[in-house]
Amino acid sequence: MSHTRVAGKLRRSTRVPLKVVITAQSLTEPLTCDGETIVVNRQGALISCSIPLRVEMNIVIHVILTDKHAPARVVYVDPERPLVCGIGLVNPENVWGLSFPPDDWYKEP
C-alpha cells in the first residue's frame, strides 16, 4: 500500500509544500476571497485565505497558475489561525500545477 501513516491514520497521498495563489468562492453565499496554498496533495490542501471560511462550507477553488477550477469543501479551520484552513477536493486531482507530483498521486484511491 502506498499510503503514508500519520498519527495513526493513513494519508491518502503525499503532501507537498507549495505556495500557489488561489481564489475561493462559496457555492451557497456571496463570498469570494484571495488566498494561497501552504501544503497540497491530490485530495486537497492547507490554504491561507484573506477572510475566514467555515467548516462544511462548499467552495470552488480557482488555481491562478493553472487556471483550473475545482469544487471543494472546507474540512478544517485552525482554531489559533482562523485564516488557515484545510480543504478537500470533491474530485481528487492535481489542480495545483505540480509538474512532477509524487508517484502516489497517479494511483486511484
N, C-alpha and C. Protein backbone atom coordinates (compact mmCIF):
# COMPACT_ATOMS: atom_id res chain seq x y z
N MET A 1 0.85 -1.18 0.00
CA MET A 1 0.00 0.00 0.00
C MET A 1 0.89 1.24 0.00
N SER A 2 0.56 2.25 -0.78
CA SER A 2 1.41 3.43 -0.90
C SER A 2 1.00 4.55 0.03
N HIS A 3 0.02 4.32 0.89
CA HIS A 3 -0.45 5.37 1.77
C HIS A 3 0.58 5.65 2.85
N THR A 4 0.66 6.89 3.30
CA THR A 4 1.57 7.29 4.34
C THR A 4 0.84 7.26 5.67
N ARG A 5 1.48 6.74 6.71
CA ARG A 5 0.85 6.70 8.02
C ARG A 5 1.22 7.97 8.78
N VAL A 6 0.19 8.69 9.29
CA VAL A 6 0.40 9.91 10.05
C VAL A 6 -0.49 9.85 11.28
N ALA A 7 0.13 9.93 12.47
CA ALA A 7 -0.59 9.94 13.74
C ALA A 7 -1.65 8.84 13.80
N GLY A 8 -1.27 7.63 13.37
CA GLY A 8 -2.19 6.51 13.46
C GLY A 8 -3.22 6.43 12.35
N LYS A 9 -3.24 7.39 11.44
CA LYS A 9 -4.20 7.39 10.34
C LYS A 9 -3.44 7.26 9.02
N LEU A 10 -4.12 6.74 8.02
CA LEU A 10 -3.49 6.63 6.70
C LEU A 10 -3.70 7.91 5.90
N ARG A 11 -2.62 8.45 5.37
CA ARG A 11 -2.68 9.61 4.49
C ARG A 11 -2.88 9.06 3.09
N ARG A 12 -3.83 9.60 2.33
CA ARG A 12 -4.15 9.05 1.02
C ARG A 12 -3.14 9.38 -0.06
N SER A 13 -2.45 10.52 0.07
CA SER A 13 -1.37 10.83 -0.87
C SER A 13 -0.37 11.76 -0.20
N THR A 14 0.82 11.78 -0.74
CA THR A 14 1.92 12.57 -0.18
C THR A 14 1.59 14.06 -0.20
N ARG A 15 1.88 14.71 0.91
CA ARG A 15 1.73 16.17 0.99
C ARG A 15 2.99 16.83 0.45
N VAL A 16 2.80 17.93 -0.27
CA VAL A 16 3.92 18.66 -0.87
C VAL A 16 3.80 20.13 -0.48
N PRO A 17 4.84 20.71 0.15
CA PRO A 17 4.79 22.15 0.43
C PRO A 17 4.79 22.90 -0.90
N LEU A 18 3.81 23.77 -1.08
CA LEU A 18 3.70 24.51 -2.35
C LEU A 18 2.90 25.78 -2.12
N LYS A 19 3.45 26.89 -2.55
CA LYS A 19 2.76 28.18 -2.43
C LYS A 19 2.24 28.56 -3.81
N VAL A 20 0.92 28.52 -3.98
CA VAL A 20 0.26 28.85 -5.24
C VAL A 20 -0.90 29.79 -4.93
N VAL A 21 -1.04 30.86 -5.70
CA VAL A 21 -2.12 31.82 -5.49
C VAL A 21 -3.44 31.21 -5.97
N ILE A 22 -4.47 31.38 -5.13
CA ILE A 22 -5.80 30.85 -5.43
C ILE A 22 -6.87 31.89 -5.11
N THR A 23 -8.07 31.64 -5.58
CA THR A 23 -9.25 32.32 -5.07
C THR A 23 -10.22 31.22 -4.63
N ALA A 24 -11.04 31.54 -3.66
CA ALA A 24 -12.06 30.61 -3.18
C ALA A 24 -13.40 31.33 -3.24
N GLN A 25 -14.40 30.66 -3.79
CA GLN A 25 -15.73 31.25 -3.90
C GLN A 25 -16.74 30.27 -3.30
N SER A 26 -17.59 30.79 -2.41
CA SER A 26 -18.62 29.96 -1.80
C SER A 26 -19.67 29.62 -2.84
N LEU A 27 -20.22 28.41 -2.72
CA LEU A 27 -21.29 27.99 -3.62
C LEU A 27 -22.67 28.35 -3.07
N THR A 28 -22.73 28.76 -1.80
CA THR A 28 -24.03 28.99 -1.18
C THR A 28 -24.26 30.41 -0.68
N GLU A 29 -23.23 31.24 -0.72
CA GLU A 29 -23.38 32.62 -0.26
C GLU A 29 -22.45 33.53 -1.04
N PRO A 30 -22.71 34.83 -1.03
CA PRO A 30 -21.87 35.75 -1.80
C PRO A 30 -20.53 36.02 -1.11
N LEU A 31 -19.61 35.09 -1.26
CA LEU A 31 -18.30 35.19 -0.62
C LEU A 31 -17.23 34.75 -1.61
N THR A 32 -16.27 35.62 -1.84
CA THR A 32 -15.10 35.30 -2.65
C THR A 32 -13.89 35.88 -1.93
N CYS A 33 -12.80 35.10 -1.87
CA CYS A 33 -11.61 35.61 -1.21
C CYS A 33 -10.36 35.14 -1.94
N ASP A 34 -9.29 35.90 -1.73
CA ASP A 34 -7.98 35.54 -2.26
C ASP A 34 -7.24 34.72 -1.23
N GLY A 35 -6.29 33.93 -1.70
CA GLY A 35 -5.50 33.13 -0.77
C GLY A 35 -4.34 32.48 -1.47
N GLU A 36 -3.71 31.56 -0.75
CA GLU A 36 -2.62 30.78 -1.32
C GLU A 36 -2.53 29.45 -0.60
N THR A 37 -1.99 28.48 -1.31
CA THR A 37 -1.80 27.17 -0.69
C THR A 37 -0.55 27.20 0.18
N ILE A 38 -0.54 26.33 1.17
CA ILE A 38 0.62 26.15 2.05
C ILE A 38 1.21 24.76 1.78
N VAL A 39 0.34 23.76 1.79
CA VAL A 39 0.70 22.38 1.52
C VAL A 39 -0.42 21.80 0.66
N VAL A 40 -0.06 20.99 -0.35
CA VAL A 40 -1.07 20.40 -1.22
C VAL A 40 -0.88 18.89 -1.29
N ASN A 41 -1.95 18.19 -1.62
CA ASN A 41 -1.87 16.79 -2.02
C ASN A 41 -2.97 16.55 -3.04
N ARG A 42 -3.08 15.34 -3.48
CA ARG A 42 -4.06 15.02 -4.54
C ARG A 42 -5.50 15.23 -4.07
N GLN A 43 -5.74 15.08 -2.78
CA GLN A 43 -7.10 15.18 -2.25
C GLN A 43 -7.48 16.57 -1.76
N GLY A 44 -6.51 17.50 -1.63
CA GLY A 44 -6.86 18.81 -1.11
C GLY A 44 -5.64 19.64 -0.78
N ALA A 45 -5.81 20.54 0.21
CA ALA A 45 -4.71 21.44 0.55
C ALA A 45 -4.96 22.10 1.90
N LEU A 46 -3.88 22.59 2.46
CA LEU A 46 -3.95 23.53 3.57
C LEU A 46 -3.75 24.89 2.93
N ILE A 47 -4.70 25.80 3.16
CA ILE A 47 -4.64 27.10 2.50
C ILE A 47 -4.72 28.23 3.51
N SER A 48 -4.28 29.39 3.10
CA SER A 48 -4.40 30.63 3.86
C SER A 48 -5.27 31.56 3.04
N CYS A 49 -6.32 32.11 3.66
CA CYS A 49 -7.27 32.97 2.95
C CYS A 49 -7.29 34.38 3.53
N SER A 50 -7.82 35.32 2.77
CA SER A 50 -7.90 36.70 3.22
C SER A 50 -9.06 36.93 4.19
N ILE A 51 -10.03 36.02 4.21
CA ILE A 51 -11.14 36.07 5.17
C ILE A 51 -11.38 34.67 5.71
N PRO A 52 -11.94 34.55 6.92
CA PRO A 52 -12.17 33.21 7.46
C PRO A 52 -13.24 32.44 6.69
N LEU A 53 -13.02 31.15 6.53
CA LEU A 53 -14.01 30.25 5.95
C LEU A 53 -14.54 29.36 7.08
N ARG A 54 -15.66 28.70 6.85
CA ARG A 54 -16.28 27.84 7.86
C ARG A 54 -16.15 26.36 7.48
N VAL A 55 -16.00 25.51 8.47
CA VAL A 55 -16.02 24.07 8.25
C VAL A 55 -17.36 23.71 7.63
N GLU A 56 -17.34 22.80 6.67
CA GLU A 56 -18.50 22.33 5.92
C GLU A 56 -18.89 23.26 4.76
N MET A 57 -18.23 24.41 4.62
CA MET A 57 -18.55 25.33 3.53
C MET A 57 -18.16 24.70 2.20
N ASN A 58 -19.07 24.71 1.24
CA ASN A 58 -18.79 24.24 -0.12
C ASN A 58 -18.27 25.41 -0.93
N ILE A 59 -17.10 25.21 -1.55
CA ILE A 59 -16.45 26.27 -2.29
C ILE A 59 -15.96 25.76 -3.64
N VAL A 60 -15.59 26.71 -4.48
CA VAL A 60 -14.87 26.39 -5.72
C VAL A 60 -13.52 27.09 -5.62
N ILE A 61 -12.47 26.32 -5.82
CA ILE A 61 -11.11 26.85 -5.81
C ILE A 61 -10.71 27.16 -7.25
N HIS A 62 -10.13 28.33 -7.45
CA HIS A 62 -9.55 28.68 -8.75
C HIS A 62 -8.05 28.82 -8.54
N VAL A 63 -7.27 27.94 -9.17
CA VAL A 63 -5.82 27.98 -9.08
C VAL A 63 -5.34 28.89 -10.20
N ILE A 64 -4.82 30.04 -9.84
CA ILE A 64 -4.44 31.06 -10.83
C ILE A 64 -3.37 30.53 -11.79
N LEU A 65 -2.35 29.84 -11.28
CA LEU A 65 -1.24 29.33 -12.10
C LEU A 65 -1.71 28.42 -13.22
N THR A 66 -2.65 27.52 -12.91
CA THR A 66 -3.10 26.54 -13.90
C THR A 66 -4.41 26.95 -14.58
N ASP A 67 -5.06 27.96 -14.05
CA ASP A 67 -6.40 28.39 -14.49
C ASP A 67 -7.42 27.26 -14.37
N LYS A 68 -7.20 26.37 -13.40
CA LYS A 68 -8.14 25.28 -13.16
C LYS A 68 -9.08 25.64 -12.02
N HIS A 69 -10.31 25.17 -12.13
CA HIS A 69 -11.32 25.33 -11.09
C HIS A 69 -11.66 23.95 -10.54
N ALA A 70 -11.90 23.87 -9.24
CA ALA A 70 -12.23 22.59 -8.63
C ALA A 70 -13.17 22.80 -7.45
N PRO A 71 -14.27 22.05 -7.41
CA PRO A 71 -15.14 22.14 -6.23
C PRO A 71 -14.45 21.49 -5.03
N ALA A 72 -14.67 22.08 -3.87
CA ALA A 72 -14.04 21.58 -2.64
C ALA A 72 -14.94 21.88 -1.44
N ARG A 73 -14.53 21.33 -0.32
CA ARG A 73 -15.26 21.55 0.93
C ARG A 73 -14.25 21.89 2.01
N VAL A 74 -14.57 22.85 2.84
CA VAL A 74 -13.71 23.20 3.97
C VAL A 74 -13.87 22.11 5.03
N VAL A 75 -12.78 21.44 5.39
CA VAL A 75 -12.85 20.33 6.33
C VAL A 75 -12.19 20.65 7.68
N TYR A 76 -11.46 21.75 7.74
CA TYR A 76 -10.73 22.10 8.97
C TYR A 76 -10.46 23.59 8.98
N VAL A 77 -10.60 24.22 10.14
CA VAL A 77 -10.18 25.60 10.34
C VAL A 77 -9.28 25.61 11.57
N ASP A 78 -8.08 26.16 11.44
CA ASP A 78 -7.13 26.21 12.55
C ASP A 78 -7.69 27.13 13.63
N PRO A 79 -7.92 26.62 14.84
CA PRO A 79 -8.51 27.45 15.89
C PRO A 79 -7.62 28.62 16.32
N GLU A 80 -6.31 28.49 16.15
CA GLU A 80 -5.40 29.57 16.54
C GLU A 80 -5.10 30.53 15.39
N ARG A 81 -5.37 30.08 14.16
CA ARG A 81 -5.15 30.92 12.97
C ARG A 81 -6.37 30.75 12.06
N PRO A 82 -7.47 31.47 12.33
CA PRO A 82 -8.72 31.24 11.61
C PRO A 82 -8.67 31.52 10.10
N LEU A 83 -7.60 32.11 9.62
CA LEU A 83 -7.47 32.34 8.18
C LEU A 83 -6.79 31.15 7.49
N VAL A 84 -6.40 30.14 8.26
CA VAL A 84 -5.76 28.93 7.72
C VAL A 84 -6.77 27.79 7.83
N CYS A 85 -7.01 27.13 6.71
CA CYS A 85 -7.98 26.03 6.73
C CYS A 85 -7.56 24.91 5.78
N GLY A 86 -8.12 23.75 6.05
CA GLY A 86 -7.90 22.59 5.20
C GLY A 86 -9.10 22.39 4.30
N ILE A 87 -8.84 22.08 3.04
CA ILE A 87 -9.94 21.84 2.10
C ILE A 87 -9.76 20.46 1.49
N GLY A 88 -10.88 19.82 1.18
CA GLY A 88 -10.87 18.55 0.49
C GLY A 88 -11.50 18.73 -0.88
N LEU A 89 -10.80 18.29 -1.91
CA LEU A 89 -11.35 18.39 -3.26
C LEU A 89 -12.44 17.35 -3.45
N VAL A 90 -13.51 17.71 -4.12
CA VAL A 90 -14.59 16.77 -4.40
C VAL A 90 -14.07 15.64 -5.29
N ASN A 91 -13.27 15.99 -6.29
CA ASN A 91 -12.66 15.01 -7.20
C ASN A 91 -11.14 15.12 -7.09
N PRO A 92 -10.49 14.21 -6.37
CA PRO A 92 -9.04 14.29 -6.21
C PRO A 92 -8.31 14.36 -7.55
N GLU A 93 -7.43 15.36 -7.66
CA GLU A 93 -6.65 15.54 -8.89
C GLU A 93 -5.54 16.55 -8.64
N ASN A 94 -4.62 16.66 -9.57
CA ASN A 94 -3.53 17.63 -9.49
C ASN A 94 -3.96 18.93 -10.15
N VAL A 95 -4.71 19.75 -9.42
CA VAL A 95 -5.10 21.06 -9.94
C VAL A 95 -4.04 22.11 -9.64
N TRP A 96 -3.02 21.71 -8.86
CA TRP A 96 -2.05 22.66 -8.32
C TRP A 96 -0.93 23.03 -9.28
N GLY A 97 -0.74 22.29 -10.35
CA GLY A 97 0.29 22.62 -11.32
C GLY A 97 1.63 21.97 -11.05
N LEU A 98 1.66 20.94 -10.22
CA LEU A 98 2.93 20.23 -9.99
C LEU A 98 3.33 19.47 -11.25
N SER A 99 4.50 19.76 -11.78
CA SER A 99 4.97 19.08 -12.99
C SER A 99 5.35 17.64 -12.71
N PHE A 100 5.91 17.39 -11.54
CA PHE A 100 6.34 16.04 -11.17
C PHE A 100 5.76 15.67 -9.81
N PRO A 101 4.46 15.37 -9.76
CA PRO A 101 3.86 15.01 -8.47
C PRO A 101 4.38 13.65 -7.99
N PRO A 102 4.27 13.39 -6.68
CA PRO A 102 4.69 12.08 -6.15
C PRO A 102 3.96 10.94 -6.86
N ASP A 103 4.60 9.77 -6.89
CA ASP A 103 4.03 8.60 -7.57
C ASP A 103 2.63 8.25 -7.08
N ASP A 104 2.37 8.41 -5.77
CA ASP A 104 1.06 8.00 -5.26
C ASP A 104 -0.07 8.94 -5.68
N TRP A 105 0.23 10.03 -6.36
CA TRP A 105 -0.81 10.91 -6.88
C TRP A 105 -1.45 10.31 -8.13
N TYR A 106 -0.78 9.37 -8.77
CA TYR A 106 -1.28 8.79 -10.01
C TYR A 106 -2.22 7.61 -9.77
N LYS A 107 -2.21 7.06 -8.59
CA LYS A 107 -3.00 5.87 -8.29
C LYS A 107 -4.40 6.25 -7.85
N GLU A 108 -5.35 5.41 -8.19
CA GLU A 108 -6.73 5.63 -7.77
C GLU A 108 -6.83 5.35 -6.28
N PRO A 109 -7.74 6.08 -5.58
CA PRO A 109 -7.87 5.88 -4.13
C PRO A 109 -8.35 4.49 -3.77
